[in-house]
Full PDB file with SEQRES, HELIX, SHEET, SSBOND, CRYST1, ORIGX, SCALE, CONECT and MASTER records, all heavy atoms in Angstrom:
SEQRES   1 A   30  GLU LEU VAL THR ASN ALA LEU LEU HIS GLY VAL PRO PRO          
SEQRES   2 A   30  GLY ARG GLN PHE LEU LEU PHE LEU ARG TYR ASP GLY ARG          
SEQRES   3 A   30  ALA LEU ARG ILE                                              
HELIX    1 AA1 LEU A    2  ASN A    5  1                                   4    
HELIX    2 AA2 ALA A    6  GLY A   10  3                                   5    
SHEET    1 AA1 2 ARG A  22  TYR A  23  0                                        
SHEET    2 AA1 2 LEU A  28  ARG A  29 -1                                        
CRYST1    1.000    1.000    1.000  90.00  90.00  90.00 P 1           1          
ORIGX1      1.000000  0.000000  0.000000        0.00000                         
ORIGX2      0.000000  1.000000  0.000000        0.00000                         
ORIGX3      0.000000  0.000000  1.000000        0.00000                         
SCALE1      1.000000  0.000000  0.000000        0.00000                         
SCALE2      0.000000  1.000000  0.000000        0.00000                         
SCALE3      0.000000  0.000000  1.000000        0.00000                         
ATOM      1  N   GLU A   1      -3.909  15.305   0.216  1.00  0.00           N  
ATOM      2  CA  GLU A   1      -3.269  16.373   0.982  1.00  0.00           C  
ATOM      3  C   GLU A   1      -4.282  17.417   1.450  1.00  0.00           C  
ATOM      4  O   GLU A   1      -4.253  17.844   2.605  1.00  0.00           O  
ATOM      5  CB  GLU A   1      -2.153  17.037   0.169  1.00  0.00           C  
ATOM      6  CG  GLU A   1      -0.967  16.141  -0.097  1.00  0.00           C  
ATOM      7  CD  GLU A   1      -0.271  15.663   1.171  1.00  0.00           C  
ATOM      8  OE1 GLU A   1      -0.303  16.370   2.197  1.00  0.00           O  
ATOM      9  OE2 GLU A   1       0.314  14.570   1.130  1.00  0.00           O  
ATOM     10  N   LEU A   2      -5.178  17.830   0.565  1.00  0.00           N  
ATOM     11  CA  LEU A   2      -6.173  18.841   0.951  1.00  0.00           C  
ATOM     12  C   LEU A   2      -7.128  18.301   2.017  1.00  0.00           C  
ATOM     13  O   LEU A   2      -7.484  19.011   2.962  1.00  0.00           O  
ATOM     14  CB  LEU A   2      -6.949  19.334  -0.273  1.00  0.00           C  
ATOM     15  CG  LEU A   2      -6.143  20.131  -1.300  1.00  0.00           C  
ATOM     16  CD1 LEU A   2      -7.026  20.500  -2.483  1.00  0.00           C  
ATOM     17  CD2 LEU A   2      -5.521  21.374  -0.684  1.00  0.00           C  
ATOM     18  N   VAL A   3      -7.537  17.055   1.870  1.00  0.00           N  
ATOM     19  CA  VAL A   3      -8.433  16.435   2.847  1.00  0.00           C  
ATOM     20  C   VAL A   3      -7.720  16.276   4.196  1.00  0.00           C  
ATOM     21  O   VAL A   3      -8.291  16.586   5.248  1.00  0.00           O  
ATOM     22  CB  VAL A   3      -8.961  15.083   2.313  1.00  0.00           C  
ATOM     23  CG1 VAL A   3      -9.607  14.262   3.418  1.00  0.00           C  
ATOM     24  CG2 VAL A   3      -9.941  15.321   1.174  1.00  0.00           C  
ATOM     25  N   THR A   4      -6.485  15.821   4.163  1.00  0.00           N  
ATOM     26  CA  THR A   4      -5.723  15.667   5.407  1.00  0.00           C  
ATOM     27  C   THR A   4      -5.572  17.010   6.116  1.00  0.00           C  
ATOM     28  O   THR A   4      -5.762  17.108   7.335  1.00  0.00           O  
ATOM     29  CB  THR A   4      -4.343  15.046   5.122  1.00  0.00           C  
ATOM     30  OG1 THR A   4      -4.538  13.749   4.549  1.00  0.00           O  
ATOM     31  CG2 THR A   4      -3.520  14.926   6.393  1.00  0.00           C  
ATOM     32  N   ASN A   5      -5.252  18.058   5.365  1.00  0.00           N  
ATOM     33  CA  ASN A   5      -5.127  19.391   5.970  1.00  0.00           C  
ATOM     34  C   ASN A   5      -6.442  19.834   6.594  1.00  0.00           C  
ATOM     35  O   ASN A   5      -6.455  20.411   7.684  1.00  0.00           O  
ATOM     36  CB  ASN A   5      -4.668  20.417   4.938  1.00  0.00           C  
ATOM     37  CG  ASN A   5      -3.190  20.334   4.664  1.00  0.00           C  
ATOM     38  OD1 ASN A   5      -2.450  19.660   5.371  1.00  0.00           O  
ATOM     39  ND2 ASN A   5      -2.757  21.020   3.627  1.00  0.00           N  
ATOM     40  N   ALA A   6      -7.549  19.581   5.916  1.00  0.00           N  
ATOM     41  CA  ALA A   6      -8.855  19.961   6.467  1.00  0.00           C  
ATOM     42  C   ALA A   6      -9.114  19.218   7.773  1.00  0.00           C  
ATOM     43  O   ALA A   6      -9.567  19.809   8.759  1.00  0.00           O  
ATOM     44  CB  ALA A   6      -9.964  19.682   5.456  1.00  0.00           C  
ATOM     45  N   LEU A   7      -8.813  17.929   7.792  1.00  0.00           N  
ATOM     46  CA  LEU A   7      -9.046  17.142   9.006  1.00  0.00           C  
ATOM     47  C   LEU A   7      -8.166  17.600  10.163  1.00  0.00           C  
ATOM     48  O   LEU A   7      -8.618  17.674  11.301  1.00  0.00           O  
ATOM     49  CB  LEU A   7      -8.804  15.659   8.734  1.00  0.00           C  
ATOM     50  CG  LEU A   7      -9.848  14.965   7.880  1.00  0.00           C  
ATOM     51  CD1 LEU A   7      -9.409  13.535   7.582  1.00  0.00           C  
ATOM     52  CD2 LEU A   7     -11.194  14.977   8.544  1.00  0.00           C  
ATOM     53  N   LEU A   8      -6.909  17.894   9.875  1.00  0.00           N  
ATOM     54  CA  LEU A   8      -5.981  18.267  10.932  1.00  0.00           C  
ATOM     55  C   LEU A   8      -6.154  19.704  11.410  1.00  0.00           C  
ATOM     56  O   LEU A   8      -5.930  20.005  12.573  1.00  0.00           O  
ATOM     57  CB  LEU A   8      -4.536  18.071  10.462  1.00  0.00           C  
ATOM     58  CG  LEU A   8      -4.097  16.641  10.211  1.00  0.00           C  
ATOM     59  CD1 LEU A   8      -2.668  16.616   9.665  1.00  0.00           C  
ATOM     60  CD2 LEU A   8      -4.193  15.815  11.490  1.00  0.00           C  
ATOM     61  N   HIS A   9      -6.549  20.596  10.508  1.00  0.00           N  
ATOM     62  CA  HIS A   9      -6.516  22.020  10.837  1.00  0.00           C  
ATOM     63  C   HIS A   9      -7.828  22.774  10.620  1.00  0.00           C  
ATOM     64  O   HIS A   9      -7.941  23.898  11.091  1.00  0.00           O  
ATOM     65  CB  HIS A   9      -5.433  22.720  10.006  1.00  0.00           C  
ATOM     66  CG  HIS A   9      -4.099  22.078  10.099  1.00  0.00           C  
ATOM     67  ND1 HIS A   9      -3.342  22.070  11.253  1.00  0.00           N  
ATOM     68  CD2 HIS A   9      -3.371  21.391   9.176  1.00  0.00           C  
ATOM     69  CE1 HIS A   9      -2.216  21.429  11.036  1.00  0.00           C  
ATOM     70  NE2 HIS A   9      -2.201  20.995   9.788  1.00  0.00           N  
ATOM     71  N   GLY A  10      -8.789  22.197   9.900  1.00  0.00           N  
ATOM     72  CA  GLY A  10      -9.933  23.004   9.503  1.00  0.00           C  
ATOM     73  C   GLY A  10     -11.305  22.556   9.941  1.00  0.00           C  
ATOM     74  O   GLY A  10     -12.225  23.357   9.979  1.00  0.00           O  
ATOM     75  N   VAL A  11     -11.463  21.293  10.260  1.00  0.00           N  
ATOM     76  CA  VAL A  11     -12.802  20.789  10.577  1.00  0.00           C  
ATOM     77  C   VAL A  11     -12.954  20.684  12.097  1.00  0.00           C  
ATOM     78  O   VAL A  11     -12.294  19.870  12.733  1.00  0.00           O  
ATOM     79  CB  VAL A  11     -13.055  19.404   9.934  1.00  0.00           C  
ATOM     80  CG1 VAL A  11     -14.465  18.925  10.235  1.00  0.00           C  
ATOM     81  CG2 VAL A  11     -12.823  19.459   8.431  1.00  0.00           C  
ATOM     82  N   PRO A  12     -13.818  21.508  12.678  1.00  0.00           N  
ATOM     83  CA  PRO A  12     -14.042  21.407  14.130  1.00  0.00           C  
ATOM     84  C   PRO A  12     -14.695  20.068  14.492  1.00  0.00           C  
ATOM     85  O   PRO A  12     -15.375  19.457  13.660  1.00  0.00           O  
ATOM     86  CB  PRO A  12     -15.003  22.566  14.421  1.00  0.00           C  
ATOM     87  CG  PRO A  12     -14.865  23.496  13.258  1.00  0.00           C  
ATOM     88  CD  PRO A  12     -14.538  22.627  12.081  1.00  0.00           C  
ATOM     89  N   PRO A  13     -14.501  19.601  15.720  1.00  0.00           N  
ATOM     90  CA  PRO A  13     -15.133  18.351  16.160  1.00  0.00           C  
ATOM     91  C   PRO A  13     -16.645  18.379  15.917  1.00  0.00           C  
ATOM     92  O   PRO A  13     -17.297  19.405  16.110  1.00  0.00           O  
ATOM     93  CB  PRO A  13     -14.819  18.300  17.650  1.00  0.00           C  
ATOM     94  CG  PRO A  13     -13.568  19.106  17.793  1.00  0.00           C  
ATOM     95  CD  PRO A  13     -13.680  20.209  16.773  1.00  0.00           C  
ATOM     96  N   GLY A  14     -17.152  17.248  15.453  1.00  0.00           N  
ATOM     97  CA  GLY A  14     -18.584  17.122  15.207  1.00  0.00           C  
ATOM     98  C   GLY A  14     -19.037  17.666  13.863  1.00  0.00           C  
ATOM     99  O   GLY A  14     -20.215  17.583  13.525  1.00  0.00           O  
ATOM    100  N   ARG A  15     -18.138  18.208  13.086  1.00  0.00           N  
ATOM    101  CA  ARG A  15     -18.487  18.772  11.781  1.00  0.00           C  
ATOM    102  C   ARG A  15     -17.976  17.874  10.666  1.00  0.00           C  
ATOM    103  O   ARG A  15     -17.202  16.951  10.879  1.00  0.00           O  
ATOM    104  CB  ARG A  15     -17.871  20.164  11.618  1.00  0.00           C  
ATOM    105  CG  ARG A  15     -18.331  21.168  12.642  1.00  0.00           C  
ATOM    106  CD  ARG A  15     -19.498  21.972  12.104  1.00  0.00           C  
ATOM    107  NE  ARG A  15     -20.020  22.898  13.077  1.00  0.00           N  
ATOM    108  CZ  ARG A  15     -19.661  24.173  13.168  1.00  0.00           C  
ATOM    109  NH1 ARG A  15     -18.760  24.674  12.352  1.00  0.00           N  
ATOM    110  NH2 ARG A  15     -20.207  24.947  14.075  1.00  0.00           N  
ATOM    111  N   GLN A  16     -18.391  18.205   9.457  1.00  0.00           N  
ATOM    112  CA  GLN A  16     -17.965  17.479   8.265  1.00  0.00           C  
ATOM    113  C   GLN A  16     -17.236  18.434   7.331  1.00  0.00           C  
ATOM    114  O   GLN A  16     -17.243  19.649   7.542  1.00  0.00           O  
ATOM    115  CB  GLN A  16     -19.174  16.892   7.544  1.00  0.00           C  
ATOM    116  CG  GLN A  16     -19.932  15.855   8.344  1.00  0.00           C  
ATOM    117  CD  GLN A  16     -21.116  15.303   7.572  1.00  0.00           C  
ATOM    118  OE1 GLN A  16     -21.738  15.988   6.764  1.00  0.00           O  
ATOM    119  NE2 GLN A  16     -21.430  14.040   7.814  1.00  0.00           N  
ATOM    120  N   PHE A  17     -16.641  17.880   6.286  1.00  0.00           N  
ATOM    121  CA  PHE A  17     -16.069  18.702   5.226  1.00  0.00           C  
ATOM    122  C   PHE A  17     -16.643  18.229   3.899  1.00  0.00           C  
ATOM    123  O   PHE A  17     -17.170  17.113   3.789  1.00  0.00           O  
ATOM    124  CB  PHE A  17     -14.535  18.651   5.234  1.00  0.00           C  
ATOM    125  CG  PHE A  17     -13.969  17.308   4.856  1.00  0.00           C  
ATOM    126  CD1 PHE A  17     -13.677  16.990   3.546  1.00  0.00           C  
ATOM    127  CD2 PHE A  17     -13.719  16.353   5.835  1.00  0.00           C  
ATOM    128  CE1 PHE A  17     -13.155  15.750   3.210  1.00  0.00           C  
ATOM    129  CE2 PHE A  17     -13.191  15.118   5.515  1.00  0.00           C  
ATOM    130  CZ  PHE A  17     -12.911  14.824   4.201  1.00  0.00           C  
ATOM    131  N   LEU A  18     -16.558  19.089   2.903  1.00  0.00           N  
ATOM    132  CA  LEU A  18     -17.090  18.804   1.578  1.00  0.00           C  
ATOM    133  C   LEU A  18     -15.946  18.713   0.583  1.00  0.00           C  
ATOM    134  O   LEU A  18     -15.111  19.616   0.503  1.00  0.00           O  
ATOM    135  CB  LEU A  18     -18.052  19.922   1.148  1.00  0.00           C  
ATOM    136  CG  LEU A  18     -18.584  19.857  -0.279  1.00  0.00           C  
ATOM    137  CD1 LEU A  18     -19.532  18.669  -0.458  1.00  0.00           C  
ATOM    138  CD2 LEU A  18     -19.298  21.154  -0.633  1.00  0.00           C  
ATOM    139  N   LEU A  19     -15.904  17.616  -0.163  1.00  0.00           N  
ATOM    140  CA  LEU A  19     -14.974  17.475  -1.276  1.00  0.00           C  
ATOM    141  C   LEU A  19     -15.767  17.725  -2.553  1.00  0.00           C  
ATOM    142  O   LEU A  19     -16.795  17.095  -2.799  1.00  0.00           O  
ATOM    143  CB  LEU A  19     -14.353  16.072  -1.307  1.00  0.00           C  
ATOM    144  CG  LEU A  19     -13.486  15.752  -2.519  1.00  0.00           C  
ATOM    145  CD1 LEU A  19     -12.316  16.703  -2.661  1.00  0.00           C  
ATOM    146  CD2 LEU A  19     -13.008  14.305  -2.448  1.00  0.00           C  
ATOM    147  N   PHE A  20     -15.281  18.658  -3.337  1.00  0.00           N  
ATOM    148  CA  PHE A  20     -15.963  19.148  -4.522  1.00  0.00           C  
ATOM    149  C   PHE A  20     -15.022  18.946  -5.706  1.00  0.00           C  
ATOM    150  O   PHE A  20     -13.864  19.373  -5.644  1.00  0.00           O  
ATOM    151  CB  PHE A  20     -16.255  20.634  -4.253  1.00  0.00           C  
ATOM    152  CG  PHE A  20     -16.664  21.480  -5.406  1.00  0.00           C  
ATOM    153  CD1 PHE A  20     -17.985  21.846  -5.561  1.00  0.00           C  
ATOM    154  CD2 PHE A  20     -15.727  21.988  -6.304  1.00  0.00           C  
ATOM    155  CE1 PHE A  20     -18.363  22.674  -6.598  1.00  0.00           C  
ATOM    156  CE2 PHE A  20     -16.098  22.814  -7.343  1.00  0.00           C  
ATOM    157  CZ  PHE A  20     -17.428  23.159  -7.491  1.00  0.00           C  
ATOM    158  N   LEU A  21     -15.484  18.267  -6.751  1.00  0.00           N  
ATOM    159  CA  LEU A  21     -14.689  18.043  -7.958  1.00  0.00           C  
ATOM    160  C   LEU A  21     -15.490  18.530  -9.161  1.00  0.00           C  
ATOM    161  O   LEU A  21     -16.674  18.204  -9.287  1.00  0.00           O  
ATOM    162  CB  LEU A  21     -14.371  16.560  -8.138  1.00  0.00           C  
ATOM    163  CG  LEU A  21     -13.619  15.884  -6.994  1.00  0.00           C  
ATOM    164  CD1 LEU A  21     -13.726  14.376  -7.110  1.00  0.00           C  
ATOM    165  CD2 LEU A  21     -12.174  16.312  -6.996  1.00  0.00           C  
ATOM    166  N   ARG A  22     -14.835  19.305 -10.026  1.00  0.00           N  
ATOM    167  CA  ARG A  22     -15.517  19.795 -11.235  1.00  0.00           C  
ATOM    168  C   ARG A  22     -14.574  19.639 -12.419  1.00  0.00           C  
ATOM    169  O   ARG A  22     -13.397  19.983 -12.334  1.00  0.00           O  
ATOM    170  CB  ARG A  22     -15.901  21.265 -11.077  1.00  0.00           C  
ATOM    171  CG  ARG A  22     -16.706  21.771 -12.280  1.00  0.00           C  
ATOM    172  CD  ARG A  22     -17.060  23.225 -12.176  1.00  0.00           C  
ATOM    173  NE  ARG A  22     -15.835  23.998 -12.299  1.00  0.00           N  
ATOM    174  CZ  ARG A  22     -15.610  25.135 -11.671  1.00  0.00           C  
ATOM    175  NH1 ARG A  22     -16.483  25.630 -10.834  1.00  0.00           N  
ATOM    176  NH2 ARG A  22     -14.476  25.786 -11.845  1.00  0.00           N  
ATOM    177  N   TYR A  23     -15.126  19.126 -13.512  1.00  0.00           N  
ATOM    178  CA  TYR A  23     -14.362  18.989 -14.750  1.00  0.00           C  
ATOM    179  C   TYR A  23     -15.211  19.517 -15.893  1.00  0.00           C  
ATOM    180  O   TYR A  23     -16.297  19.005 -16.160  1.00  0.00           O  
ATOM    181  CB  TYR A  23     -13.988  17.521 -14.990  1.00  0.00           C  
ATOM    182  CG  TYR A  23     -13.219  17.309 -16.260  1.00  0.00           C  
ATOM    183  CD1 TYR A  23     -11.991  17.931 -16.459  1.00  0.00           C  
ATOM    184  CD2 TYR A  23     -13.722  16.508 -17.268  1.00  0.00           C  
ATOM    185  CE1 TYR A  23     -11.278  17.747 -17.626  1.00  0.00           C  
ATOM    186  CE2 TYR A  23     -13.014  16.311 -18.443  1.00  0.00           C  
ATOM    187  CZ  TYR A  23     -11.792  16.940 -18.616  1.00  0.00           C  
ATOM    188  OH  TYR A  23     -11.090  16.760 -19.780  1.00  0.00           O  
ATOM    189  N   ASP A  24     -14.709  20.543 -16.575  1.00  0.00           N  
ATOM    190  CA  ASP A  24     -15.474  21.159 -17.665  1.00  0.00           C  
ATOM    191  C   ASP A  24     -14.896  20.841 -19.042  1.00  0.00           C  
ATOM    192  O   ASP A  24     -15.255  21.468 -20.027  1.00  0.00           O  
ATOM    193  CB  ASP A  24     -15.564  22.672 -17.460  1.00  0.00           C  
ATOM    194  CG  ASP A  24     -14.203  23.362 -17.508  1.00  0.00           C  
ATOM    195  OD1 ASP A  24     -13.189  22.700 -17.817  1.00  0.00           O  
ATOM    196  OD2 ASP A  24     -14.157  24.582 -17.226  1.00  0.00           O  
ATOM    197  N   GLY A  25     -14.003  19.856 -19.114  1.00  0.00           N  
ATOM    198  CA  GLY A  25     -13.378  19.497 -20.381  1.00  0.00           C  
ATOM    199  C   GLY A  25     -12.066  20.237 -20.620  1.00  0.00           C  
ATOM    200  O   GLY A  25     -11.271  19.833 -21.451  1.00  0.00           O  
ATOM    201  N   ARG A  26     -11.863  21.330 -19.901  1.00  0.00           N  
ATOM    202  CA  ARG A  26     -10.628  22.110 -20.035  1.00  0.00           C  
ATOM    203  C   ARG A  26      -9.783  22.053 -18.773  1.00  0.00           C  
ATOM    204  O   ARG A  26      -8.563  22.091 -18.834  1.00  0.00           O  
ATOM    205  CB  ARG A  26     -10.952  23.566 -20.357  1.00  0.00           C  
ATOM    206  CG  ARG A  26     -11.584  23.774 -21.724  1.00  0.00           C  
ATOM    207  CD  ARG A  26     -11.808  25.249 -21.986  1.00  0.00           C  
ATOM    208  NE  ARG A  26     -12.538  25.884 -20.899  1.00  0.00           N  
ATOM    209  CZ  ARG A  26     -13.832  26.138 -20.897  1.00  0.00           C  
ATOM    210  NH1 ARG A  26     -14.555  25.829 -21.938  1.00  0.00           N  
ATOM    211  NH2 ARG A  26     -14.412  26.719 -19.876  1.00  0.00           N  
ATOM    212  N   ALA A  27     -10.443  22.011 -17.621  1.00  0.00           N  
ATOM    213  CA  ALA A  27      -9.713  22.012 -16.350  1.00  0.00           C  
ATOM    214  C   ALA A  27     -10.462  21.185 -15.317  1.00  0.00           C  
ATOM    215  O   ALA A  27     -11.692  21.091 -15.351  1.00  0.00           O  
ATOM    216  CB  ALA A  27      -9.533  23.444 -15.839  1.00  0.00           C  
ATOM    217  N   LEU A  28      -9.693  20.597 -14.424  1.00  0.00           N  
ATOM    218  CA  LEU A  28     -10.240  19.851 -13.296  1.00  0.00           C  
ATOM    219  C   LEU A  28      -9.968  20.670 -12.044  1.00  0.00           C  
ATOM    220  O   LEU A  28      -8.825  21.070 -11.800  1.00  0.00           O  
ATOM    221  CB  LEU A  28      -9.554  18.483 -13.188  1.00  0.00           C  
ATOM    222  CG  LEU A  28      -9.862  17.673 -11.936  1.00  0.00           C  
ATOM    223  CD1 LEU A  28     -11.319  17.237 -11.936  1.00  0.00           C  
ATOM    224  CD2 LEU A  28      -8.947  16.476 -11.848  1.00  0.00           C  
ATOM    225  N   ARG A  29     -11.007  20.926 -11.278  1.00  0.00           N  
ATOM    226  CA  ARG A  29     -10.869  21.706 -10.047  1.00  0.00           C  
ATOM    227  C   ARG A  29     -11.248  20.838  -8.861  1.00  0.00           C  
ATOM    228  O   ARG A  29     -12.256  20.133  -8.888  1.00  0.00           O  
ATOM    229  CB  ARG A  29     -11.765  22.934 -10.092  1.00  0.00           C  
ATOM    230  CG  ARG A  29     -11.605  23.841  -8.877  1.00  0.00           C  
ATOM    231  CD  ARG A  29     -12.443  25.093  -9.050  1.00  0.00           C  
ATOM    232  NE  ARG A  29     -12.322  25.998  -7.950  1.00  0.00           N  
ATOM    233  CZ  ARG A  29     -11.596  27.112  -7.943  1.00  0.00           C  
ATOM    234  NH1 ARG A  29     -10.890  27.427  -9.010  1.00  0.00           N  
ATOM    235  NH2 ARG A  29     -11.570  27.894  -6.891  1.00  0.00           N  
ATOM    236  N   ILE A  30     -10.415  20.898  -7.836  1.00  0.00           N  
ATOM    237  CA  ILE A  30     -10.651  20.209  -6.573  1.00  0.00           C  
ATOM    238  C   ILE A  30     -10.829  21.288  -5.518  1.00  0.00           C  
ATOM    239  O   ILE A  30     -10.032  22.222  -5.458  1.00  0.00           O  
ATOM    240  CB  ILE A  30      -9.431  19.344  -6.180  1.00  0.00           C  
ATOM    241  CG1 ILE A  30      -9.098  18.331  -7.260  1.00  0.00           C  
ATOM    242  CG2 ILE A  30      -9.657  18.683  -4.829  1.00  0.00           C  
ATOM    243  CD1 ILE A  30      -7.697  17.765  -7.144  1.00  0.00           C  
TER     244      ILE A  30                                                      
MASTER        0    0    0    2    2    0    0    6  243    1    0    3          
END                                                                             
């Protein structure tokens, strides 16, 4: 859902987006 929203509404033509995932043993952040 977050990636689709970025593609449809946030990433200008010719640009890329970054997917960032972090897990510290207590929480997973996207």
